[in-house]
């Protein structure tokens, strides 16, 4: 069985006064999204919380 480790911020550690965040975003919405993603992974429904690696993650040539 493949296992995936999700690494990120705790929802209650986010500064929701930051104007870069969408209006109305809060810790409960983030926690709910994490729960949905985790549930989908548990039943084998893809990798909803994945992101492609950027230049910092690429091996040097």
Protein backbone atom coordinates (compact mmCIF):
# COMPACT_ATOMS: atom_id res chain seq x y z
CA UNK A 1 0.00 0.00 0.00
CA UNK A 2 1.31 3.43 -0.93
CA UNK A 3 1.26 6.03 1.83
CA UNK A 4 1.42 9.79 1.46
CA UNK A 5 2.53 12.30 4.08
CA UNK A 6 0.74 15.64 3.92
CA UNK A 7 2.84 18.48 5.29
CA UNK A 8 1.49 21.96 5.86
CA UNK A 9 0.26 24.52 8.32
CA UNK A 10 -2.30 23.82 11.01
CA UNK A 11 -5.48 25.67 9.99
CA UNK A 12 -5.51 27.62 13.24
CA UNK A 13 -1.96 28.91 12.56
CA UNK A 14 -2.99 30.87 9.45
CA UNK A 15 -3.25 34.67 9.60
CA UNK A 16 -6.71 35.18 8.09
CA UNK A 17 -6.25 38.96 8.03
CA UNK A 18 -3.77 38.50 5.15
CA UNK A 19 -5.35 40.13 2.06
CA UNK A 20 -3.82 37.43 -0.16
CA UNK A 21 -6.31 34.90 1.22
CA UNK A 22 -9.78 34.61 -0.32
CA UNK A 23 -12.48 36.61 1.48
CA UNK A 24 -14.38 34.53 4.03
CA UNK A 25 -11.62 31.93 4.43
CA UNK A 26 -11.30 30.56 7.97
CA UNK A 27 -9.78 27.65 9.90
CA UNK A 28 -13.00 25.62 9.76
CA UNK A 29 -13.11 25.78 5.95
CA UNK A 30 -9.47 24.71 5.69
CA UNK A 31 -9.97 21.85 8.16
CA UNK A 32 -13.05 20.69 6.23
CA UNK A 33 -11.10 20.72 2.96
CA UNK A 34 -8.29 18.69 4.52
CA UNK A 35 -10.83 16.17 5.84
CA UNK A 36 -12.48 15.79 2.42
CA UNK A 37 -9.10 15.32 0.75
CA UNK A 38 -8.00 12.77 3.34
CA UNK A 39 -11.28 10.86 2.99
CA UNK A 40 -10.94 10.76 -0.79
CA UNK A 41 -7.37 9.47 -0.51
CA UNK A 42 -8.48 6.81 1.98
CA UNK A 43 -10.91 5.36 -0.57
CA UNK A 44 -8.35 5.55 -3.37
CA UNK A 45 -9.78 8.54 -5.23
CA UNK A 46 -6.60 10.04 -6.62
CA UNK A 47 -4.43 12.64 -4.94
CA UNK A 48 -6.55 15.77 -4.44
CA UNK A 49 -3.96 17.50 -2.27
CA UNK A 50 -0.97 17.10 -4.57
CA UNK A 51 0.88 19.83 -6.41
CA UNK A 52 3.52 19.66 -9.14
CA UNK A 53 7.05 20.38 -8.03
CA UNK A 54 8.49 23.72 -8.99
CA UNK A 55 12.05 24.62 -9.93
CA UNK A 56 13.21 24.36 -6.32
CA UNK A 57 12.30 20.65 -6.26
CA UNK A 58 13.99 19.73 -9.54
CA UNK A 59 17.35 18.00 -9.60
CA UNK A 60 20.30 20.04 -10.87
CA UNK A 61 21.47 19.13 -14.37
